Amino acid sequence: MTETGKILLSVQEFSEITGLGEKSIRRLSHVQGFPAIRIGHRIMIHKQSAEDWLADCAAHQDACLPVIDI
């Protein structure tokens, strides 16, 4: 992921650095343990925690990522 000085990222910003679609990220925000917070109607993602969470899921492939229907 590219470096940014921000701690919290919007769905759009997180989408740009991860290559995941915005709809997929919005769905991930509902997965228990995913480091997203809601500020009003906005979803903000803690950058470092999200990177760690995704890396852990990829390393263990323990079904922590939901199946996302398109």
C-alpha atoms as a PDB file:
ATOM      1  CA  MET A   1       0.000   0.000   0.000  1.00  0.00           C
ATOM      2  CA  THR A   2       1.161   3.475  -0.666  1.00  0.00           C
ATOM      3  CA  GLU A   3       2.139   5.748   2.179  1.00  0.00           C
ATOM      4  CA  THR A   4      -0.120   8.531   3.327  1.00  0.00           C
ATOM      5  CA  GLY A   5       0.193  10.711   6.407  1.00  0.00           C
ATOM      6  CA  LYS A   6      -3.426  10.091   7.387  1.00  0.00           C
ATOM      7  CA  ILE A   7      -4.415   7.761  10.199  1.00  0.00           C
ATOM      8  CA  LEU A   8      -8.050   7.417   9.129  1.00  0.00           C
ATOM      9  CA  LEU A   9      -9.034   6.929   5.507  1.00  0.00           C
ATOM     10  CA  SER A  10     -12.363   7.328   3.773  1.00  0.00           C
ATOM     11  CA  VAL A  11     -13.822   4.395   1.868  1.00  0.00           C
ATOM     12  CA  GLN A  12     -12.719   6.026  -1.389  1.00  0.00           C
ATOM     13  CA  GLU A  13      -9.133   6.581  -0.180  1.00  0.00           C
ATOM     14  CA  PHE A  14      -8.875   3.018   1.151  1.00  0.00           C
ATOM     15  CA  SER A  15     -10.235   1.752  -2.157  1.00  0.00           C
ATOM     16  CA  GLU A  16      -7.567   3.646  -4.087  1.00  0.00           C
ATOM     17  CA  ILE A  17      -4.667   2.251  -2.060  1.00  0.00           C
ATOM     18  CA  THR A  18      -5.913  -1.337  -1.811  1.00  0.00           C
ATOM     19  CA  GLY A  19      -7.511  -1.844  -5.194  1.00  0.00           C
ATOM     20  CA  LEU A  20     -10.696  -3.109  -3.544  1.00  0.00           C
ATOM     21  CA  GLY A  21     -13.983  -1.695  -4.714  1.00  0.00           C
ATOM     22  CA  GLU A  22     -15.801   0.822  -2.553  1.00  0.00           C
ATOM     23  CA  LYS A  23     -18.837  -1.458  -2.262  1.00  0.00           C
ATOM     24  CA  SER A  24     -16.622  -4.297  -1.002  1.00  0.00           C
ATOM     25  CA  ILE A  25     -15.027  -2.007   1.571  1.00  0.00           C
ATOM     26  CA  ARG A  26     -18.434  -0.846   2.792  1.00  0.00           C
ATOM     27  CA  ARG A  27     -19.379  -4.491   3.267  1.00  0.00           C
ATOM     28  CA  LEU A  28     -16.091  -5.212   5.053  1.00  0.00           C
ATOM     29  CA  SER A  29     -16.905  -2.405   7.476  1.00  0.00           C
ATOM     30  CA  HIS A  30     -19.684  -4.621   8.853  1.00  0.00           C
ATOM     31  CA  VAL A  31     -17.358  -7.584   9.500  1.00  0.00           C
ATOM     32  CA  GLN A  32     -16.554  -8.031  13.171  1.00  0.00           C
ATOM     33  CA  GLY A  33     -12.974  -7.044  13.864  1.00  0.00           C
ATOM     34  CA  PHE A  34     -12.492  -4.893  10.775  1.00  0.00           C
ATOM     35  CA  PRO A  35     -11.119  -1.537  11.981  1.00  0.00           C
ATOM     36  CA  ALA A  36     -13.768   0.835  10.690  1.00  0.00           C
ATOM     37  CA  ILE A  37     -15.646   3.494  12.602  1.00  0.00           C
ATOM     38  CA  ARG A  38     -18.687   5.518  11.700  1.00  0.00           C
ATOM     39  CA  ILE A  39     -18.667   9.268  12.046  1.00  0.00           C
ATOM     40  CA  GLY A  40     -22.193  10.314  11.207  1.00  0.00           C
ATOM     41  CA  HIS A  41     -22.899   8.611   7.908  1.00  0.00           C
ATOM     42  CA  ARG A  42     -19.229   8.389   6.939  1.00  0.00           C
ATOM     43  CA  ILE A  43     -17.195   5.215   7.290  1.00  0.00           C
ATOM     44  CA  MET A  44     -13.587   5.843   8.281  1.00  0.00           C
ATOM     45  CA  ILE A  45     -10.960   3.106   8.273  1.00  0.00           C
ATOM     46  CA  HIS A  46      -7.917   3.021  10.547  1.00  0.00           C
ATOM     47  CA  LYS A  47      -5.161   2.585   7.958  1.00  0.00           C
ATOM     48  CA  GLN A  48      -2.531   0.622   9.916  1.00  0.00           C
ATOM     49  CA  SER A  49      -5.052  -1.612  11.683  1.00  0.00           C
ATOM     50  CA  ALA A  50      -6.794  -2.394   8.392  1.00  0.00           C
ATOM     51  CA  GLU A  51      -3.475  -3.291   6.749  1.00  0.00           C
ATOM     52  CA  ASP A  52      -2.667  -5.589   9.673  1.00  0.00           C
ATOM     53  CA  TRP A  53      -6.159  -7.123   9.659  1.00  0.00           C
ATOM     54  CA  LEU A  54      -6.040  -7.885   5.927  1.00  0.00           C
ATOM     55  CA  ALA A  55      -2.498  -9.301   6.179  1.00  0.00           C
ATOM     56  CA  ASP A  56      -3.541 -11.548   9.062  1.00  0.00           C
ATOM     57  CA  CYS A  57      -6.547 -12.816   7.127  1.00  0.00           C
ATOM     58  CA  ALA A  58      -4.430 -13.505   4.069  1.00  0.00           C
ATOM     59  CA  ALA A  59      -1.761 -15.302   6.098  1.00  0.00           C
ATOM     60  CA  HIS A  60      -4.173 -17.567   7.935  1.00  0.00           C
ATOM     61  CA  GLN A  61      -6.887 -17.868   5.310  1.00  0.00           C
ATOM     62  CA  ASP A  62      -9.202 -18.561   8.209  1.00  0.00           C
ATOM     63  CA  ALA A  63     -12.395 -17.339   6.592  1.00  0.00           C
ATOM     64  CA  CYS A  64     -12.299 -13.963   8.328  1.00  0.00           C
ATOM     65  CA  LEU A  65     -13.116 -12.358   5.001  1.00  0.00           C
ATOM     66  CA  PRO A  66     -16.759 -12.684   4.044  1.00  0.00           C
ATOM     67  CA  VAL A  67     -17.982 -13.928   0.705  1.00  0.00           C
ATOM     68  CA  ILE A  68     -19.024 -10.810  -1.148  1.00  0.00           C
ATOM     69  CA  ASP A  69     -21.717 -11.314  -3.757  1.00  0.00           C
ATOM     70  CA  ILE A  70     -21.439  -9.072  -6.761  1.00  0.00           C
END
